Amino acid sequence: MTAFYVLDVPENTAVAKIAGADPAVTVDRIGPYFAITAPGAIVVDRRATGCRHAVWYSCVGGVARDSRITRHDKDALRVEPV
């Protein structure tokens, strides 16, 4: 299972919304965070979120122990199982 966490603040809600648009991805809440999970890789397109670069690069609050960020650049965020 792949999982990463995004702080639930107005600037980050688009990240959770776009990630959750994939039918394989589930978006739940854990405390003040969105928990974004999937059985496989999770890919979020930055342009689809509308996030500016500063928000984009600071949106990830954490990654689950069995997950790894394999891409986080100006175009996309990709989190995969280890």
PDB file of N, CA and C in Angstrom:
ATOM      1  N   MET A   1       0.843  -1.178   0.000  1.00  0.00           N
ATOM      2  CA  MET A   1       0.000   0.000   0.000  1.00  0.00           C
ATOM      3  C   MET A   1       0.890   1.242   0.000  1.00  0.00           C
ATOM      4  N   THR A   2       0.577   2.170  -0.859  1.00  0.00           N
ATOM      5  CA  THR A   2       1.304   3.427  -0.969  1.00  0.00           C
ATOM      6  C   THR A   2       0.524   4.499  -0.231  1.00  0.00           C
ATOM      7  N   ALA A   3       1.201   5.343   0.528  1.00  0.00           N
ATOM      8  CA  ALA A   3       0.513   6.412   1.240  1.00  0.00           C
ATOM      9  C   ALA A   3       1.427   7.606   1.446  1.00  0.00           C
ATOM     10  N   PHE A   4       0.818   8.792   1.308  1.00  0.00           N
ATOM     11  CA  PHE A   4       1.503  10.018   1.718  1.00  0.00           C
ATOM     12  C   PHE A   4       0.479  10.941   2.331  1.00  0.00           C
ATOM     13  N   TYR A   5       0.982  11.957   3.023  1.00  0.00           N
ATOM     14  CA  TYR A   5       0.129  12.825   3.820  1.00  0.00           C
ATOM     15  C   TYR A   5       0.347  14.280   3.445  1.00  0.00           C
ATOM     16  N   VAL A   6      -0.769  15.010   3.382  1.00  0.00           N
ATOM     17  CA  VAL A   6      -0.753  16.421   3.014  1.00  0.00           C
ATOM     18  C   VAL A   6      -1.547  17.170   4.070  1.00  0.00           C
ATOM     19  N   LEU A   7      -0.972  18.242   4.618  1.00  0.00           N
ATOM     20  CA  LEU A   7      -1.655  19.038   5.623  1.00  0.00           C
ATOM     21  C   LEU A   7      -2.922  19.646   5.023  1.00  0.00           C
ATOM     22  N   ASP A   8      -4.017  19.538   5.743  1.00  0.00           N
ATOM     23  CA  ASP A   8      -5.299  20.073   5.274  1.00  0.00           C
ATOM     24  C   ASP A   8      -5.363  21.573   5.539  1.00  0.00           C
ATOM     25  N   VAL A   9      -4.828  22.327   4.604  1.00  0.00           N
ATOM     26  CA  VAL A   9      -4.929  23.784   4.588  1.00  0.00           C
ATOM     27  C   VAL A   9      -5.424  24.165   3.193  1.00  0.00           C
ATOM     28  N   PRO A  10      -6.053  25.332   3.050  1.00  0.00           N
ATOM     29  CA  PRO A  10      -6.625  25.693   1.744  1.00  0.00           C
ATOM     30  C   PRO A  10      -5.665  25.561   0.562  1.00  0.00           C
ATOM     31  N   GLU A  11      -4.402  25.869   0.766  1.00  0.00           N
ATOM     32  CA  GLU A  11      -3.436  25.815  -0.328  1.00  0.00           C
ATOM     33  C   GLU A  11      -3.219  24.399  -0.850  1.00  0.00           C
ATOM     34  N   ASN A  12      -3.447  23.383  -0.003  1.00  0.00           N
ATOM     35  CA  ASN A  12      -3.158  21.993  -0.369  1.00  0.00           C
ATOM     36  C   ASN A  12      -4.380  21.175  -0.778  1.00  0.00           C
ATOM     37  N   THR A  13      -5.573  21.707  -0.648  1.00  0.00           N
ATOM     38  CA  THR A  13      -6.763  20.890  -0.925  1.00  0.00           C
ATOM     39  C   THR A  13      -6.814  20.403  -2.372  1.00  0.00           C
ATOM     40  N   ALA A  14      -6.276  21.178  -3.303  1.00  0.00           N
ATOM     41  CA  ALA A  14      -6.287  20.750  -4.707  1.00  0.00           C
ATOM     42  C   ALA A  14      -5.428  19.507  -4.918  1.00  0.00           C
ATOM     43  N   VAL A  15      -4.367  19.358  -4.137  1.00  0.00           N
ATOM     44  CA  VAL A  15      -3.513  18.171  -4.265  1.00  0.00           C
ATOM     45  C   VAL A  15      -4.327  16.930  -3.909  1.00  0.00           C
ATOM     46  N   ALA A  16      -5.046  16.983  -2.797  1.00  0.00           N
ATOM     47  CA  ALA A  16      -5.881  15.849  -2.390  1.00  0.00           C
ATOM     48  C   ALA A  16      -7.007  15.612  -3.392  1.00  0.00           C
ATOM     49  N   LYS A  17      -7.601  16.670  -3.896  1.00  0.00           N
ATOM     50  CA  LYS A  17      -8.702  16.540  -4.854  1.00  0.00           C
ATOM     51  C   LYS A  17      -8.246  15.872  -6.151  1.00  0.00           C
ATOM     52  N   ILE A  18      -7.142  16.320  -6.695  1.00  0.00           N
ATOM     53  CA  ILE A  18      -6.635  15.748  -7.951  1.00  0.00           C
ATOM     54  C   ILE A  18      -6.160  14.317  -7.738  1.00  0.00           C
ATOM     55  N   ALA A  19      -5.483  14.045  -6.629  1.00  0.00           N
ATOM     56  CA  ALA A  19      -5.050  12.671  -6.341  1.00  0.00           C
ATOM     57  C   ALA A  19      -6.265  11.759  -6.223  1.00  0.00           C
ATOM     58  N   GLY A  20      -7.315  12.223  -5.556  1.00  0.00           N
ATOM     59  CA  GLY A  20      -8.523  11.430  -5.355  1.00  0.00           C
ATOM     60  C   GLY A  20      -9.351  11.224  -6.608  1.00  0.00           C
ATOM     61  N   ALA A  21      -9.055  11.965  -7.667  1.00  0.00           N
ATOM     62  CA  ALA A  21      -9.781  11.785  -8.928  1.00  0.00           C
ATOM     63  C   ALA A  21      -9.451  10.443  -9.579  1.00  0.00           C
ATOM     64  N   ASP A  22      -8.316   9.868  -9.225  1.00  0.00           N
ATOM     65  CA  ASP A  22      -7.947   8.533  -9.711  1.00  0.00           C
ATOM     66  C   ASP A  22      -8.768   7.511  -8.925  1.00  0.00           C
ATOM     67  N   PRO A  23      -9.521   6.642  -9.615  1.00  0.00           N
ATOM     68  CA  PRO A  23     -10.371   5.685  -8.900  1.00  0.00           C
ATOM     69  C   PRO A  23      -9.615   4.707  -8.010  1.00  0.00           C
ATOM     70  N   ALA A  24      -8.328   4.524  -8.230  1.00  0.00           N
ATOM     71  CA  ALA A  24      -7.540   3.612  -7.401  1.00  0.00           C
ATOM     72  C   ALA A  24      -7.050   4.278  -6.117  1.00  0.00           C
ATOM     73  N   VAL A  25      -7.207   5.591  -6.021  1.00  0.00           N
ATOM     74  CA  VAL A  25      -6.686   6.356  -4.887  1.00  0.00           C
ATOM     75  C   VAL A  25      -7.810   6.677  -3.915  1.00  0.00           C
ATOM     76  N   THR A  26      -7.508   6.551  -2.624  1.00  0.00           N
ATOM     77  CA  THR A  26      -8.449   6.902  -1.563  1.00  0.00           C
ATOM     78  C   THR A  26      -7.882   8.076  -0.786  1.00  0.00           C
ATOM     79  N   VAL A  27      -8.736   9.047  -0.506  1.00  0.00           N
ATOM     80  CA  VAL A  27      -8.338  10.194   0.304  1.00  0.00           C
ATOM     81  C   VAL A  27      -9.174  10.181   1.572  1.00  0.00           C
ATOM     82  N   ASP A  28      -8.506  10.049   2.717  1.00  0.00           N
ATOM     83  CA  ASP A  28      -9.151  10.061   4.028  1.00  0.00           C
ATOM     84  C   ASP A  28      -8.516  11.167   4.852  1.00  0.00           C
ATOM     85  N   ARG A  29      -8.970  11.281   6.094  1.00  0.00           N
ATOM     86  CA  ARG A  29      -8.398  12.255   7.018  1.00  0.00           C
ATOM     87  C   ARG A  29      -7.775  11.533   8.205  1.00  0.00           C
ATOM     88  N   ILE A  30      -6.602  11.980   8.611  1.00  0.00           N
ATOM     89  CA  ILE A  30      -5.958  11.530   9.844  1.00  0.00           C
ATOM     90  C   ILE A  30      -5.536  12.814  10.554  1.00  0.00           C
ATOM     91  N   GLY A  31      -6.243  13.153  11.609  1.00  0.00           N
ATOM     92  CA  GLY A  31      -5.960  14.407  12.302  1.00  0.00           C
ATOM     93  C   GLY A  31      -6.074  15.562  11.330  1.00  0.00           C
ATOM     94  N   PRO A  32      -5.076  16.446  11.291  1.00  0.00           N
ATOM     95  CA  PRO A  32      -5.138  17.600  10.392  1.00  0.00           C
ATOM     96  C   PRO A  32      -4.584  17.319   8.984  1.00  0.00           C
ATOM     97  N   TYR A  33      -4.431  16.047   8.634  1.00  0.00           N
ATOM     98  CA  TYR A  33      -3.839  15.680   7.352  1.00  0.00           C
ATOM     99  C   TYR A  33      -4.812  14.928   6.461  1.00  0.00           C
ATOM    100  N   PHE A  34      -4.630  15.088   5.148  1.00  0.00           N
ATOM    101  CA  PHE A  34      -5.246  14.193   4.179  1.00  0.00           C
ATOM    102  C   PHE A  34      -4.322  12.988   4.089  1.00  0.00           C
ATOM    103  N   ALA A  35      -4.857  11.792   4.191  1.00  0.00           N
ATOM    104  CA  ALA A  35      -4.095  10.566   3.975  1.00  0.00           C
ATOM    105  C   ALA A  35      -4.461  10.076   2.579  1.00  0.00           C
ATOM    106  N   ILE A  36      -3.515  10.084   1.678  1.00  0.00           N
ATOM    107  CA  ILE A  36      -3.742   9.718   0.278  1.00  0.00           C
ATOM    108  C   ILE A  36      -3.099   8.356   0.063  1.00  0.00           C
ATOM    109  N   THR A  37      -3.929   7.346  -0.232  1.00  0.00           N
ATOM    110  CA  THR A  37      -3.445   5.967  -0.316  1.00  0.00           C
ATOM    111  C   THR A  37      -3.902   5.291  -1.600  1.00  0.00           C
ATOM    112  N   ALA A  38      -3.160   4.263  -1.993  1.00  0.00           N
ATOM    113  CA  ALA A  38      -3.500   3.447  -3.159  1.00  0.00           C
ATOM    114  C   ALA A  38      -2.722   2.147  -3.078  1.00  0.00           C
ATOM    115  N   PRO A  39      -3.203   1.101  -3.761  1.00  0.00           N
ATOM    116  CA  PRO A  39      -2.471  -0.159  -3.760  1.00  0.00           C
ATOM    117  C   PRO A  39      -1.171  -0.094  -4.565  1.00  0.00           C
ATOM    118  N   GLY A  40      -1.090   0.817  -5.497  1.00  0.00           N
ATOM    119  CA  GLY A  40       0.111   0.959  -6.333  1.00  0.00           C
ATOM    120  C   GLY A  40       0.624   2.382  -6.275  1.00  0.00           C
ATOM    121  N   ALA A  41       1.239   2.818  -7.349  1.00  0.00           N
ATOM    122  CA  ALA A  41       1.807   4.166  -7.414  1.00  0.00           C
ATOM    123  C   ALA A  41       0.709   5.226  -7.432  1.00  0.00           C
ATOM    124  N   ILE A  42       1.037   6.374  -6.872  1.00  0.00           N
ATOM    125  CA  ILE A  42       0.152   7.538  -6.897  1.00  0.00           C
ATOM    126  C   ILE A  42       0.887   8.629  -7.653  1.00  0.00           C
ATOM    127  N   VAL A  43       0.226   9.186  -8.666  1.00  0.00           N
ATOM    128  CA  VAL A  43       0.820  10.258  -9.453  1.00  0.00           C
ATOM    129  C   VAL A  43      -0.130  11.450  -9.437  1.00  0.00           C
ATOM    130  N   VAL A  44       0.416  12.624  -9.102  1.00  0.00           N
ATOM    131  CA  VAL A  44      -0.371  13.854  -9.078  1.00  0.00           C
ATOM    132  C   VAL A  44       0.297  14.846 -10.021  1.00  0.00           C
ATOM    133  N   ASP A  45      -0.469  15.375 -10.966  1.00  0.00           N
ATOM    134  CA  ASP A  45       0.025  16.348 -11.929  1.00  0.00           C
ATOM    135  C   ASP A  45      -0.060  17.751 -11.317  1.00  0.00           C
ATOM    136  N   ARG A  46       1.054  18.457 -11.236  1.00  0.00           N
ATOM    137  CA  ARG A  46       1.056  19.780 -10.617  1.00  0.00           C
ATOM    138  C   ARG A  46       0.153  20.762 -11.335  1.00  0.00           C
ATOM    139  N   ARG A  47       0.186  20.785 -12.641  1.00  0.00           N
ATOM    140  CA  ARG A  47      -0.616  21.759 -13.376  1.00  0.00           C
ATOM    141  C   ARG A  47      -2.112  21.539 -13.145  1.00  0.00           C
ATOM    142  N   ALA A  48      -2.518  20.294 -12.996  1.00  0.00           N
ATOM    143  CA  ALA A  48      -3.931  20.001 -12.730  1.00  0.00           C
ATOM    144  C   ALA A  48      -4.366  20.534 -11.368  1.00  0.00           C
ATOM    145  N   THR A  49      -3.431  20.615 -10.423  1.00  0.00           N
ATOM    146  CA  THR A  49      -3.767  21.118  -9.091  1.00  0.00           C
ATOM    147  C   THR A  49      -3.877  22.632  -9.063  1.00  0.00           C
ATOM    148  N   GLY A  50      -3.197  23.290  -9.986  1.00  0.00           N
ATOM    149  CA  GLY A  50      -3.167  24.749  -9.982  1.00  0.00           C
ATOM    150  C   GLY A  50      -2.228  25.320  -8.928  1.00  0.00           C
ATOM    151  N   CYS A  51      -1.446  24.476  -8.280  1.00  0.00           N
ATOM    152  CA  CYS A  51      -0.527  24.925  -7.229  1.00  0.00           C
ATOM    153  C   CYS A  51       0.648  25.680  -7.827  1.00  0.00           C
ATOM    154  N   ARG A  52       1.009  26.753  -7.154  1.00  0.00           N
ATOM    155  CA  ARG A  52       2.239  27.455  -7.519  1.00  0.00           C
ATOM    156  C   ARG A  52       3.411  26.636  -6.993  1.00  0.00           C
ATOM    157  N   HIS A  53       4.588  26.901  -7.510  1.00  0.00           N
ATOM    158  CA  HIS A  53       5.764  26.084  -7.182  1.00  0.00           C
ATOM    159  C   HIS A  53       6.058  26.024  -5.683  1.00  0.00           C
ATOM    160  N   ALA A  54       5.985  27.133  -4.975  1.00  0.00           N
ATOM    161  CA  ALA A  54       6.312  27.128  -3.538  1.00  0.00           C
ATOM    162  C   ALA A  54       5.366  26.222  -2.762  1.00  0.00           C
ATOM    163  N   VAL A  55       4.085  26.260  -3.081  1.00  0.00           N
ATOM    164  CA  VAL A  55       3.110  25.394  -2.418  1.00  0.00           C
ATOM    165  C   VAL A  55       3.350  23.943  -2.824  1.00  0.00           C
ATOM    166  N   TRP A  56       3.572  23.727  -4.102  1.00  0.00           N
ATOM    167  CA  TRP A  56       3.782  22.378  -4.622  1.00  0.00           C
ATOM    168  C   TRP A  56       4.925  21.667  -3.917  1.00  0.00           C
ATOM    169  N   TYR A  57       6.075  22.339  -3.806  1.00  0.00           N
ATOM    170  CA  TYR A  57       7.249  21.692  -3.223  1.00  0.00           C
ATOM    171  C   TYR A  57       7.152  21.521  -1.715  1.00  0.00           C
ATOM    172  N   SER A  58       6.184  22.173  -1.074  1.00  0.00           N
ATOM    173  CA  SER A  58       6.052  22.037   0.378  1.00  0.00           C
ATOM    174  C   SER A  58       4.784  21.301   0.794  1.00  0.00           C
ATOM    175  N   CYS A  59       4.041  20.732  -0.146  1.00  0.00           N
ATOM    176  CA  CYS A  59       2.740  20.133   0.175  1.00  0.00           C
ATOM    177  C   CYS A  59       2.824  18.790   0.900  1.00  0.00           C
ATOM    178  N   VAL A  60       3.877  18.021   0.703  1.00  0.00           N
ATOM    179  CA  VAL A  60       3.967  16.692   1.319  1.00  0.00           C
ATOM    180  C   VAL A  60       4.367  16.836   2.780  1.00  0.00           C
ATOM    181  N   GLY A  61       3.487  16.360   3.662  1.00  0.00           N
ATOM    182  CA  GLY A  61       3.766  16.407   5.091  1.00  0.00           C
ATOM    183  C   GLY A  61       4.452  15.153   5.591  1.00  0.00           C
ATOM    184  N   GLY A  62       4.346  14.061   4.849  1.00  0.00           N
ATOM    185  CA  GLY A  62       4.970  12.812   5.246  1.00  0.00           C
ATOM    186  C   GLY A  62       4.671  11.707   4.262  1.00  0.00           C
ATOM    187  N   VAL A  63       5.430  10.628   4.369  1.00  0.00           N
ATOM    188  CA  VAL A  63       5.279   9.461   3.507  1.00  0.00           C
ATOM    189  C   VAL A  63       5.257   8.231   4.406  1.00  0.00           C
ATOM    190  N   ALA A  64       4.383   7.285   4.109  1.00  0.00           N
ATOM    191  CA  ALA A  64       4.301   6.059   4.905  1.00  0.00           C
ATOM    192  C   ALA A  64       5.612   5.288   4.833  1.00  0.00           C
ATOM    193  N   ARG A  65       5.850   4.494   5.837  1.00  0.00           N
ATOM    194  CA  ARG A  65       7.093   3.734   5.956  1.00  0.00           C
ATOM    195  C   ARG A  65       7.365   2.852   4.738  1.00  0.00           C
ATOM    196  N   ASP A  66       6.322   2.293   4.138  1.00  0.00           N
ATOM    197  CA  ASP A  66       6.506   1.385   3.003  1.00  0.00           C
ATOM    198  C   ASP A  66       6.317   2.087   1.655  1.00  0.00           C
ATOM    199  N   SER A  67       6.478   3.409   1.637  1.00  0.00           N
ATOM    200  CA  SER A  67       6.326   4.200   0.409  1.00  0.00           C
ATOM    201  C   SER A  67       7.559   5.069   0.206  1.00  0.00           C
ATOM    202  N   ARG A  68       7.722   5.524  -1.034  1.00  0.00           N
ATOM    203  CA  ARG A  68       8.879   6.357  -1.370  1.00  0.00           C
ATOM    204  C   ARG A  68       8.489   7.345  -2.455  1.00  0.00           C
ATOM    205  N   ILE A  69       8.935   8.591  -2.307  1.00  0.00           N
ATOM    206  CA  ILE A  69       8.751   9.575  -3.376  1.00  0.00           C
ATOM    207  C   ILE A  69       9.809   9.291  -4.431  1.00  0.00           C
ATOM    208  N   THR A  70       9.365   8.996  -5.646  1.00  0.00           N
ATOM    209  CA  THR A  70      10.307   8.706  -6.726  1.00  0.00           C
ATOM    210  C   THR A  70      10.386   9.852  -7.733  1.00  0.00           C
ATOM    211  N   ARG A  71       9.453  10.793  -7.607  1.00  0.00           N
ATOM    212  CA  ARG A  71       9.494  11.967  -8.472  1.00  0.00           C
ATOM    213  C   ARG A  71       8.767  13.107  -7.767  1.00  0.00           C
ATOM    214  N   HIS A  72       9.403  14.262  -7.719  1.00  0.00           N
ATOM    215  CA  HIS A  72       8.758  15.456  -7.191  1.00  0.00           C
ATOM    216  C   HIS A  72       9.437  16.634  -7.856  1.00  0.00           C
ATOM    217  N   ASP A  73       8.945  16.962  -9.032  1.00  0.00           N
ATOM    218  CA  ASP A  73       9.523  18.051  -9.793  1.00  0.00           C
ATOM    219  C   ASP A  73       8.423  19.022 -10.198  1.00  0.00           C
ATOM    220  N   LYS A  74       8.721  19.938 -11.099  1.00  0.00           N
ATOM    221  CA  LYS A  74       7.759  20.973 -11.466  1.00  0.00           C
ATOM    222  C   LYS A  74       6.538  20.431 -12.196  1.00  0.00           C
ATOM    223  N   ASP A  75       6.584  19.174 -12.628  1.00  0.00           N
ATOM    224  CA  ASP A  75       5.472  18.609 -13.386  1.00  0.00           C
ATOM    225  C   ASP A  75       4.615  17.626 -12.587  1.00  0.00           C
ATOM    226  N   ALA A  76       5.226  16.837 -11.730  1.00  0.00           N
ATOM    227  CA  ALA A  76       4.461  15.758 -11.083  1.00  0.00           C
ATOM    228  C   ALA A  76       5.065  15.329  -9.762  1.00  0.00           C
ATOM    229  N   LEU A  77       4.210  14.722  -8.953  1.00  0.00           N
ATOM    230  CA  LEU A  77       4.602  14.043  -7.729  1.00  0.00           C
ATOM    231  C   LEU A  77       4.242  12.576  -7.918  1.00  0.00           C
ATOM    232  N   ARG A  78       5.207  11.697  -7.705  1.00  0.00           N
ATOM    233  CA  ARG A  78       4.967  10.261  -7.829  1.00  0.00           C
ATOM    234  C   ARG A  78       5.449   9.588  -6.554  1.00  0.00           C
ATOM    235  N   VAL A  79       4.536   8.852  -5.920  1.00  0.00           N
ATOM    236  CA  VAL A  79       4.856   8.097  -4.711  1.00  0.00           C
ATOM    237  C   VAL A  79       4.577   6.629  -5.029  1.00  0.00           C
ATOM    238  N   GLU A  80       5.562   5.774  -4.726  1.00  0.00           N
ATOM    239  CA  GLU A  80       5.459   4.353  -5.061  1.00  0.00           C
ATOM    240  C   GLU A  80       5.717   3.488  -3.827  1.00  0.00           C
ATOM    241  N   PRO A  81       5.191   2.255  -3.873  1.00  0.00           N
ATOM    242  CA  PRO A  81       5.518   1.341  -2.770  1.00  0.00           C
ATOM    243  C   PRO A  81       6.996   0.953  -2.844  1.00  0.00           C
ATOM    244  N   VAL A  82       7.588   0.689  -1.692  1.00  0.00           N
ATOM    245  CA  VAL A  82       8.998   0.287  -1.639  1.00  0.00           C
ATOM    246  C   VAL A  82       9.120  -1.154  -2.078  1.00  0.00           C
TER     247      VAL A  82
END
